[in-house]
Amino acid sequence: MKEKSYSEIMKASVMKRIKAKESFVLDLYVDMLISEIQLNNKKEKLLSKIDKAIDDRDKLLFLSLTDELKDLNKQFGT
């Protein structure tokens, strides 16, 4: 069985660290994408409920939903 040289071991170690960093960044990107999709979905639902409250002339529900939308915007900085 052939033993690896020190430089081969070091190269393999560096490559492992590079791949781990790339994997971390990819995982982070996927998490951000999923969060963005969830945020947009929740906003769409809220806006739809707000439109219905306007159509139904339900002022209390409208105010409650718009407060919820404001809080969501604050939470995600949008």
C-alpha atoms as a PDB file:
ATOM      1  CA  MET A   1       0.000   0.000   0.000  1.00  0.00           C
ATOM      2  CA  LYS A   2       1.372   3.403  -0.987  1.00  0.00           C
ATOM      3  CA  GLU A   3       1.606   6.007   1.756  1.00  0.00           C
ATOM      4  CA  LYS A   4       0.697   9.589   0.944  1.00  0.00           C
ATOM      5  CA  SER A   5       3.337  12.254   1.147  1.00  0.00           C
ATOM      6  CA  TYR A   6       3.033  15.179   3.507  1.00  0.00           C
ATOM      7  CA  SER A   7       2.203  17.562   0.639  1.00  0.00           C
ATOM      8  CA  GLU A   8      -0.537  15.221  -0.630  1.00  0.00           C
ATOM      9  CA  ILE A   9      -2.037  15.049   2.863  1.00  0.00           C
ATOM     10  CA  MET A  10      -1.933  18.846   3.169  1.00  0.00           C
ATOM     11  CA  LYS A  11      -3.535  19.315  -0.272  1.00  0.00           C
ATOM     12  CA  ALA A  12      -6.303  16.892   0.671  1.00  0.00           C
ATOM     13  CA  SER A  13      -6.852  18.751   3.949  1.00  0.00           C
ATOM     14  CA  VAL A  14      -7.097  22.107   2.171  1.00  0.00           C
ATOM     15  CA  MET A  15      -9.537  20.702  -0.370  1.00  0.00           C
ATOM     16  CA  LYS A  16     -11.721  19.347   2.440  1.00  0.00           C
ATOM     17  CA  ARG A  17     -11.844  22.789   4.080  1.00  0.00           C
ATOM     18  CA  ILE A  18     -12.669  24.487   0.774  1.00  0.00           C
ATOM     19  CA  LYS A  19     -15.479  22.024   0.092  1.00  0.00           C
ATOM     20  CA  ALA A  20     -16.815  22.497   3.642  1.00  0.00           C
ATOM     21  CA  LYS A  21     -16.904  26.284   3.153  1.00  0.00           C
ATOM     22  CA  GLU A  22     -18.642  25.915  -0.206  1.00  0.00           C
ATOM     23  CA  SER A  23     -21.178  23.565   1.342  1.00  0.00           C
ATOM     24  CA  PHE A  24     -21.824  26.005   4.196  1.00  0.00           C
ATOM     25  CA  VAL A  25     -22.384  28.905   1.796  1.00  0.00           C
ATOM     26  CA  LEU A  26     -24.704  26.777  -0.341  1.00  0.00           C
ATOM     27  CA  ASP A  27     -26.707  25.730   2.737  1.00  0.00           C
ATOM     28  CA  LEU A  28     -26.912  29.352   3.841  1.00  0.00           C
ATOM     29  CA  TYR A  29     -28.146  30.402   0.406  1.00  0.00           C
ATOM     30  CA  VAL A  30     -30.824  27.682   0.419  1.00  0.00           C
ATOM     31  CA  ASP A  31     -31.995  28.754   3.888  1.00  0.00           C
ATOM     32  CA  MET A  32     -32.224  32.380   2.751  1.00  0.00           C
ATOM     33  CA  LEU A  33     -34.177  31.379  -0.343  1.00  0.00           C
ATOM     34  CA  ILE A  34     -36.649  29.312   1.678  1.00  0.00           C
ATOM     35  CA  SER A  35     -37.127  32.180   4.156  1.00  0.00           C
ATOM     36  CA  GLU A  36     -37.766  34.606   1.299  1.00  0.00           C
ATOM     37  CA  ILE A  37     -40.370  32.279  -0.222  1.00  0.00           C
ATOM     38  CA  GLN A  38     -42.103  31.841   3.145  1.00  0.00           C
ATOM     39  CA  LEU A  39     -42.129  35.600   3.718  1.00  0.00           C
ATOM     40  CA  ASN A  40     -43.592  36.313   0.286  1.00  0.00           C
ATOM     41  CA  ASN A  41     -46.224  33.617   0.757  1.00  0.00           C
ATOM     42  CA  LYS A  42     -47.259  34.994   4.160  1.00  0.00           C
ATOM     43  CA  LYS A  43     -47.390  38.548   2.779  1.00  0.00           C
ATOM     44  CA  GLU A  44     -49.563  37.458  -0.157  1.00  0.00           C
ATOM     45  CA  LYS A  45     -52.005  35.744   2.199  1.00  0.00           C
ATOM     46  CA  LEU A  46     -52.138  38.790   4.473  1.00  0.00           C
ATOM     47  CA  LEU A  47     -52.699  41.146   1.548  1.00  0.00           C
ATOM     48  CA  SER A  48     -55.485  38.908   0.276  1.00  0.00           C
ATOM     49  CA  LYS A  49     -57.135  38.938   3.714  1.00  0.00           C
ATOM     50  CA  ILE A  50     -56.734  42.732   3.880  1.00  0.00           C
ATOM     51  CA  ASP A  51     -58.436  43.080   0.482  1.00  0.00           C
ATOM     52  CA  LYS A  52     -61.302  40.888   1.673  1.00  0.00           C
ATOM     53  CA  ALA A  53     -61.646  42.927   4.873  1.00  0.00           C
ATOM     54  CA  ILE A  54     -61.869  46.085   2.738  1.00  0.00           C
ATOM     55  CA  ASP A  55     -64.483  44.476   0.500  1.00  0.00           C
ATOM     56  CA  ASP A  56     -66.464  43.375   3.563  1.00  0.00           C
ATOM     57  CA  ARG A  57     -65.997  46.817   5.184  1.00  0.00           C
ATOM     58  CA  ASP A  58     -64.639  45.113   8.311  1.00  0.00           C
ATOM     59  CA  LYS A  59     -62.629  47.930   9.862  1.00  0.00           C
ATOM     60  CA  LEU A  60     -61.493  45.998  12.958  1.00  0.00           C
ATOM     61  CA  LEU A  61     -60.206  43.058  10.924  1.00  0.00           C
ATOM     62  CA  PHE A  62     -58.547  45.459   8.481  1.00  0.00           C
ATOM     63  CA  LEU A  63     -56.715  47.272  11.283  1.00  0.00           C
ATOM     64  CA  SER A  64     -55.659  43.990  12.875  1.00  0.00           C
ATOM     65  CA  LEU A  65     -54.331  42.587   9.597  1.00  0.00           C
ATOM     66  CA  THR A  66     -52.480  45.773   8.664  1.00  0.00           C
ATOM     67  CA  ASP A  67     -50.810  45.764  12.089  1.00  0.00           C
ATOM     68  CA  GLU A  68     -49.771  42.181  11.460  1.00  0.00           C
ATOM     69  CA  LEU A  69     -48.374  43.180   8.067  1.00  0.00           C
ATOM     70  CA  LYS A  70     -46.441  46.065   9.645  1.00  0.00           C
ATOM     71  CA  ASP A  71     -44.963  43.692  12.228  1.00  0.00           C
ATOM     72  CA  LEU A  72     -43.988  41.236   9.496  1.00  0.00           C
ATOM     73  CA  ASN A  73     -42.295  44.011   7.533  1.00  0.00           C
ATOM     74  CA  LYS A  74     -40.399  45.148  10.642  1.00  0.00           C
ATOM     75  CA  GLN A  75     -39.340  41.600  11.454  1.00  0.00           C
ATOM     76  CA  PHE A  76     -37.849  41.006   8.001  1.00  0.00           C
ATOM     77  CA  GLY A  77     -36.717  44.549   7.330  1.00  0.00           C
ATOM     78  CA  THR A  78     -38.850  45.025   4.234  1.00  0.00           C
END
